[in-house]
Protein backbone atom coordinates (compact mmCIF):
# COMPACT_ATOMS: atom_id res chain seq x y z
CA MET A 1 8.72 13.01 54.11
CA ASP A 2 11.20 10.36 52.93
CA GLN A 3 12.85 11.58 49.81
CA LYS A 4 14.29 8.82 47.23
CA THR A 5 17.44 9.41 45.28
CA ILE A 6 16.90 8.62 41.66
CA PRO A 7 20.02 8.01 39.41
CA PRO A 8 20.25 10.54 36.46
CA GLU A 9 19.88 7.76 33.79
CA LYS A 10 16.55 6.72 35.20
CA ALA A 11 15.30 10.36 35.72
CA ARG A 12 15.69 11.21 32.10
CA GLN A 13 12.39 12.05 30.29
CA GLY A 14 13.24 9.98 27.24
CA ARG A 15 15.85 7.69 25.99
CA ARG A 16 17.39 7.42 22.55
CA GLY A 17 17.30 4.15 20.74
CA TRP A 18 16.33 1.99 17.73
CA HIS A 19 12.62 2.86 18.15
CA VAL A 20 13.25 6.60 17.70
CA LEU A 21 15.33 5.85 14.65
CA ALA A 22 12.59 3.48 13.33
CA ILE A 23 9.94 6.23 13.76
CA LEU A 24 12.04 8.80 11.91
CA VAL A 25 12.70 6.38 8.98
CA VAL A 26 9.15 5.26 8.77
CA GLY A 27 7.94 8.87 8.70
CA LEU A 28 10.41 9.67 6.04
CA ALA A 29 9.31 6.77 3.93
CA LEU A 30 5.66 7.75 4.23
CA ALA A 31 6.48 11.17 3.27
CA LEU A 32 8.32 9.95 0.16
CA VAL A 33 5.37 7.71 -0.75
CA ALA A 34 2.98 10.60 -0.50
CA TRP A 35 5.26 12.83 -2.61
CA TYR A 36 5.57 10.19 -5.28
CA ALA A 37 1.84 9.68 -5.40
CA ALA A 38 1.16 13.39 -5.64
CA GLU A 39 3.70 13.69 -8.56
CA TRP A 40 2.23 10.60 -10.35
CA SER A 41 -1.35 11.81 -10.04
CA ALA A 42 -0.81 15.34 -10.96
CA PRO A 43 -1.51 16.35 -14.71
CA PRO A 44 1.64 17.20 -16.78
CA VAL A 45 2.50 20.88 -16.97
CA THR A 46 3.03 22.04 -20.54
CA PRO A 47 4.67 25.45 -21.23
CA PRO A 48 2.53 28.20 -22.99
CA ALA A 49 2.77 28.25 -26.73
CA GLU A 50 4.91 30.87 -28.36
CA GLY A 51 3.30 34.22 -29.07
CA THR A 52 0.46 33.97 -26.53
CA ALA A 53 -0.29 36.74 -24.20
CA ASN A 54 0.07 36.09 -20.38
């Protein structure tokens, strides 16, 4: 069986680049949008009145 020699740069599983950074930035932006939507849609929390039992 004839074996081929592959350079280490081509044998790597994945490469780093702008597309990885873009996916991370878009994911962070979507998380921030979801957090803002949850904060905006939640009812305001009011502290209990003085003298009430817990």
